[in-house]
Amino acid sequence: MLHGDPETEPAELIANAVLAVPGVAGLHGGMFGEVATYLPGRRVLGVALGDDSCAIHISVRYPAHVIETAERVRAALVPMLDVPVDVTVEDVLTERTAP
């Protein structure tokens, strides 16, 4: 399913690739944290990796374009995976300004 080093957890490689995409503020676990890949003793939120699909849930940093950011995430993962990649934007985050 994933091309590369078999010693590295695929979900973690995917998470790192997603976080490197410009405009991505972070991975998002969904409303109840249900979007995740479970590993021994931990989970990778925002990455649901299955045998026949990969779902990625992200937060986008404003003013990045939401659709373009999602497309860049998908494009970054296509070379890594042999399954379809679905990207969901869960939130758009802005910088907080002090009053």
N, C-alpha and C. Protein backbone atom coordinates (compact mmCIF):
# COMPACT_ATOMS: atom_id res chain seq x y z
N MET A 1 0.81 -1.18 0.00
CA MET A 1 0.00 0.00 0.00
C MET A 1 0.86 1.26 0.00
N LEU A 2 1.81 1.37 0.88
CA LEU A 2 2.68 2.54 0.92
C LEU A 2 4.03 2.14 0.36
N HIS A 3 4.56 2.99 -0.50
CA HIS A 3 5.88 2.74 -1.06
C HIS A 3 6.92 3.38 -0.16
N GLY A 4 7.92 2.65 0.22
CA GLY A 4 8.97 3.26 1.03
C GLY A 4 9.46 2.34 2.11
N ASP A 5 10.03 2.91 3.15
CA ASP A 5 10.65 2.18 4.24
C ASP A 5 9.61 1.42 5.06
N PRO A 6 9.66 0.08 5.07
CA PRO A 6 8.68 -0.70 5.83
C PRO A 6 8.86 -0.58 7.34
N GLU A 7 9.98 -0.01 7.78
CA GLU A 7 10.22 0.15 9.21
C GLU A 7 9.49 1.35 9.81
N THR A 8 8.96 2.22 8.95
CA THR A 8 8.29 3.43 9.42
C THR A 8 6.79 3.26 9.29
N GLU A 9 6.05 3.72 10.30
CA GLU A 9 4.59 3.60 10.29
C GLU A 9 4.01 4.42 9.14
N PRO A 10 3.24 3.81 8.25
CA PRO A 10 2.66 4.54 7.12
C PRO A 10 1.82 5.74 7.55
N ALA A 11 1.00 5.60 8.58
CA ALA A 11 0.14 6.71 9.00
C ALA A 11 0.97 7.91 9.45
N GLU A 12 2.11 7.67 10.07
CA GLU A 12 2.96 8.77 10.51
C GLU A 12 3.66 9.44 9.32
N LEU A 13 4.06 8.66 8.33
CA LEU A 13 4.63 9.23 7.12
C LEU A 13 3.60 10.11 6.41
N ILE A 14 2.37 9.62 6.35
CA ILE A 14 1.30 10.38 5.72
C ILE A 14 1.05 11.67 6.48
N ALA A 15 0.96 11.59 7.81
CA ALA A 15 0.73 12.78 8.63
C ALA A 15 1.83 13.81 8.41
N ASN A 16 3.06 13.38 8.37
CA ASN A 16 4.18 14.31 8.15
C ASN A 16 4.10 14.97 6.78
N ALA A 17 3.72 14.19 5.77
CA ALA A 17 3.60 14.75 4.42
C ALA A 17 2.47 15.78 4.36
N VAL A 18 1.36 15.50 5.02
CA VAL A 18 0.23 16.43 5.04
C VAL A 18 0.62 17.73 5.75
N LEU A 19 1.28 17.61 6.90
CA LEU A 19 1.65 18.78 7.67
C LEU A 19 2.67 19.67 6.95
N ALA A 20 3.38 19.11 5.97
CA ALA A 20 4.36 19.87 5.20
C ALA A 20 3.72 20.67 4.06
N VAL A 21 2.45 20.44 3.80
CA VAL A 21 1.77 21.14 2.70
C VAL A 21 1.45 22.58 3.12
N PRO A 22 1.83 23.56 2.31
CA PRO A 22 1.52 24.95 2.63
C PRO A 22 0.01 25.16 2.79
N GLY A 23 -0.36 25.88 3.83
CA GLY A 23 -1.77 26.16 4.08
C GLY A 23 -2.41 25.23 5.10
N VAL A 24 -1.78 24.09 5.36
CA VAL A 24 -2.32 23.15 6.35
C VAL A 24 -1.91 23.62 7.74
N ALA A 25 -2.92 23.87 8.58
CA ALA A 25 -2.65 24.29 9.96
C ALA A 25 -2.46 23.08 10.87
N GLY A 26 -3.07 21.96 10.51
CA GLY A 26 -2.93 20.76 11.32
C GLY A 26 -3.88 19.67 10.87
N LEU A 27 -3.71 18.51 11.44
CA LEU A 27 -4.62 17.40 11.21
C LEU A 27 -5.79 17.54 12.18
N HIS A 28 -6.95 17.02 11.80
CA HIS A 28 -8.16 17.18 12.60
C HIS A 28 -8.79 15.80 12.79
N GLY A 29 -9.11 15.48 14.02
CA GLY A 29 -9.67 14.16 14.34
C GLY A 29 -11.16 14.02 14.13
N GLY A 30 -11.82 15.03 13.60
CA GLY A 30 -13.26 14.96 13.44
C GLY A 30 -13.96 15.42 14.72
N MET A 31 -15.28 15.45 14.70
CA MET A 31 -16.04 15.98 15.82
C MET A 31 -15.76 15.26 17.14
N PHE A 32 -15.59 13.96 17.08
CA PHE A 32 -15.37 13.18 18.30
C PHE A 32 -14.02 12.48 18.31
N GLY A 33 -13.10 12.91 17.47
CA GLY A 33 -11.79 12.27 17.39
C GLY A 33 -11.83 10.91 16.72
N GLU A 34 -12.88 10.69 15.93
CA GLU A 34 -13.07 9.37 15.31
C GLU A 34 -12.22 9.14 14.06
N VAL A 35 -11.65 10.19 13.51
CA VAL A 35 -10.81 10.04 12.32
C VAL A 35 -9.38 9.84 12.80
N ALA A 36 -8.94 8.59 12.77
CA ALA A 36 -7.61 8.28 13.29
C ALA A 36 -7.16 6.91 12.81
N THR A 37 -5.86 6.73 12.83
CA THR A 37 -5.27 5.40 12.65
C THR A 37 -4.68 5.01 13.99
N TYR A 38 -5.08 3.85 14.47
CA TYR A 38 -4.65 3.39 15.80
C TYR A 38 -3.42 2.52 15.67
N LEU A 39 -2.42 2.88 16.45
CA LEU A 39 -1.15 2.16 16.50
C LEU A 39 -0.92 1.71 17.93
N PRO A 40 -0.01 0.80 18.17
CA PRO A 40 0.24 0.36 19.54
C PRO A 40 0.59 1.54 20.46
N GLY A 41 -0.26 1.79 21.43
CA GLY A 41 -0.01 2.83 22.43
C GLY A 41 -0.26 4.25 21.99
N ARG A 42 -0.74 4.46 20.77
CA ARG A 42 -0.98 5.82 20.28
C ARG A 42 -1.91 5.78 19.07
N ARG A 43 -2.31 6.97 18.64
CA ARG A 43 -3.10 7.07 17.42
C ARG A 43 -2.66 8.31 16.65
N VAL A 44 -2.87 8.27 15.36
CA VAL A 44 -2.55 9.39 14.49
C VAL A 44 -3.87 10.01 14.09
N LEU A 45 -4.21 11.14 14.74
CA LEU A 45 -5.46 11.83 14.44
C LEU A 45 -5.43 12.45 13.06
N GLY A 46 -6.58 12.42 12.39
CA GLY A 46 -6.72 13.05 11.09
C GLY A 46 -6.33 12.18 9.92
N VAL A 47 -5.83 10.98 10.19
CA VAL A 47 -5.44 10.04 9.14
C VAL A 47 -6.18 8.73 9.39
N ALA A 48 -7.09 8.37 8.48
CA ALA A 48 -7.78 7.08 8.57
C ALA A 48 -7.33 6.25 7.39
N LEU A 49 -6.38 5.38 7.65
CA LEU A 49 -5.75 4.59 6.60
C LEU A 49 -6.34 3.19 6.60
N GLY A 50 -6.95 2.83 5.48
CA GLY A 50 -7.54 1.50 5.35
C GLY A 50 -6.90 0.74 4.21
N ASP A 51 -7.37 -0.48 3.98
CA ASP A 51 -6.81 -1.30 2.91
C ASP A 51 -7.15 -0.78 1.52
N ASP A 52 -8.30 -0.08 1.41
CA ASP A 52 -8.73 0.38 0.09
C ASP A 52 -9.02 1.87 0.02
N SER A 53 -8.64 2.61 1.05
CA SER A 53 -8.85 4.06 1.02
C SER A 53 -8.00 4.75 2.08
N CYS A 54 -7.89 6.06 1.92
CA CYS A 54 -7.20 6.89 2.89
C CYS A 54 -8.00 8.18 3.04
N ALA A 55 -8.46 8.46 4.26
CA ALA A 55 -9.18 9.69 4.54
C ALA A 55 -8.29 10.61 5.36
N ILE A 56 -8.19 11.84 4.91
CA ILE A 56 -7.39 12.85 5.59
C ILE A 56 -8.31 13.98 6.00
N HIS A 57 -8.26 14.37 7.27
CA HIS A 57 -9.06 15.50 7.76
C HIS A 57 -8.09 16.55 8.28
N ILE A 58 -8.27 17.78 7.78
CA ILE A 58 -7.32 18.84 8.09
C ILE A 58 -8.02 20.12 8.54
N SER A 59 -7.22 20.98 9.16
CA SER A 59 -7.58 22.37 9.38
C SER A 59 -6.69 23.18 8.46
N VAL A 60 -7.28 24.22 7.84
CA VAL A 60 -6.55 25.07 6.92
C VAL A 60 -6.29 26.41 7.60
N ARG A 61 -5.12 26.97 7.36
CA ARG A 61 -4.75 28.26 7.94
C ARG A 61 -5.20 29.38 7.00
N TYR A 62 -6.07 30.24 7.50
CA TYR A 62 -6.51 31.41 6.74
C TYR A 62 -5.32 32.33 6.52
N PRO A 63 -5.11 32.88 5.34
CA PRO A 63 -6.00 33.04 4.21
C PRO A 63 -5.79 32.02 3.09
N ALA A 64 -5.22 30.88 3.37
CA ALA A 64 -5.01 29.86 2.32
C ALA A 64 -6.35 29.48 1.70
N HIS A 65 -6.34 29.20 0.43
CA HIS A 65 -7.54 28.79 -0.29
C HIS A 65 -7.87 27.34 0.08
N VAL A 66 -9.07 27.12 0.55
CA VAL A 66 -9.46 25.82 1.08
C VAL A 66 -9.36 24.72 0.03
N ILE A 67 -9.95 24.92 -1.13
CA ILE A 67 -9.96 23.87 -2.16
C ILE A 67 -8.56 23.61 -2.69
N GLU A 68 -7.79 24.66 -2.93
CA GLU A 68 -6.42 24.48 -3.42
C GLU A 68 -5.56 23.75 -2.40
N THR A 69 -5.75 24.05 -1.12
CA THR A 69 -4.98 23.37 -0.08
C THR A 69 -5.33 21.89 -0.05
N ALA A 70 -6.62 21.56 -0.12
CA ALA A 70 -7.04 20.16 -0.14
C ALA A 70 -6.47 19.44 -1.36
N GLU A 71 -6.45 20.10 -2.51
CA GLU A 71 -5.88 19.49 -3.71
C GLU A 71 -4.38 19.27 -3.57
N ARG A 72 -3.68 20.21 -2.92
CA ARG A 72 -2.23 20.03 -2.69
C ARG A 72 -1.96 18.86 -1.75
N VAL A 73 -2.82 18.68 -0.75
CA VAL A 73 -2.68 17.53 0.16
C VAL A 73 -2.83 16.24 -0.64
N ARG A 74 -3.88 16.16 -1.43
CA ARG A 74 -4.11 14.96 -2.24
C ARG A 74 -2.93 14.70 -3.16
N ALA A 75 -2.44 15.74 -3.83
CA ALA A 75 -1.31 15.60 -4.76
C ALA A 75 -0.05 15.13 -4.03
N ALA A 76 0.15 15.58 -2.80
CA ALA A 76 1.34 15.16 -2.04
C ALA A 76 1.28 13.68 -1.67
N LEU A 77 0.06 13.14 -1.52
CA LEU A 77 -0.08 11.75 -1.07
C LEU A 77 -0.19 10.74 -2.21
N VAL A 78 -0.62 11.16 -3.37
CA VAL A 78 -0.80 10.23 -4.49
C VAL A 78 0.45 9.41 -4.78
N PRO A 79 1.66 10.01 -4.80
CA PRO A 79 2.85 9.20 -5.08
C PRO A 79 3.16 8.18 -3.97
N MET A 80 2.62 8.40 -2.77
CA MET A 80 2.91 7.53 -1.64
C MET A 80 1.95 6.35 -1.52
N LEU A 81 0.76 6.49 -2.09
CA LEU A 81 -0.31 5.52 -1.84
C LEU A 81 -0.84 4.89 -3.12
N ASP A 82 -1.35 3.67 -2.97
CA ASP A 82 -1.99 2.96 -4.08
C ASP A 82 -3.50 2.93 -3.91
N VAL A 83 -4.04 3.78 -3.06
CA VAL A 83 -5.48 3.82 -2.81
C VAL A 83 -5.98 5.25 -3.00
N PRO A 84 -7.29 5.42 -3.22
CA PRO A 84 -7.84 6.77 -3.33
C PRO A 84 -7.66 7.56 -2.03
N VAL A 85 -7.45 8.87 -2.17
CA VAL A 85 -7.26 9.75 -1.03
C VAL A 85 -8.42 10.76 -1.00
N ASP A 86 -9.16 10.76 0.10
CA ASP A 86 -10.24 11.73 0.30
C ASP A 86 -9.78 12.73 1.34
N VAL A 87 -9.88 14.02 1.00
CA VAL A 87 -9.45 15.08 1.91
C VAL A 87 -10.69 15.87 2.35
N THR A 88 -10.85 16.02 3.66
CA THR A 88 -11.94 16.80 4.23
C THR A 88 -11.34 17.95 5.02
N VAL A 89 -11.82 19.16 4.74
CA VAL A 89 -11.41 20.32 5.52
C VAL A 89 -12.43 20.49 6.64
N GLU A 90 -11.97 20.31 7.87
CA GLU A 90 -12.84 20.37 9.04
C GLU A 90 -12.94 21.77 9.62
N ASP A 91 -11.90 22.60 9.42
CA ASP A 91 -11.88 23.90 10.07
C ASP A 91 -10.95 24.84 9.30
N VAL A 92 -11.19 26.14 9.46
CA VAL A 92 -10.31 27.18 8.94
C VAL A 92 -9.88 28.01 10.13
N LEU A 93 -8.58 28.07 10.37
CA LEU A 93 -8.04 28.76 11.53
C LEU A 93 -7.43 30.09 11.15
N THR A 94 -7.58 31.08 12.03
CA THR A 94 -6.97 32.39 11.83
C THR A 94 -6.00 32.67 12.97
N GLU A 95 -5.14 33.66 12.76
CA GLU A 95 -4.24 34.10 13.83
C GLU A 95 -5.09 34.85 14.85
N ARG A 96 -4.85 34.59 16.12
CA ARG A 96 -5.58 35.34 17.16
C ARG A 96 -4.84 36.64 17.40
N THR A 97 -5.59 37.72 17.47
CA THR A 97 -5.00 39.03 17.73
C THR A 97 -5.32 39.43 19.16
N ALA A 98 -4.32 39.96 19.83
CA ALA A 98 -4.54 40.43 21.21
C ALA A 98 -5.41 41.68 21.19
N PRO A 99 -6.34 41.80 22.13
CA PRO A 99 -7.22 42.98 22.16
C PRO A 99 -6.48 44.25 22.51
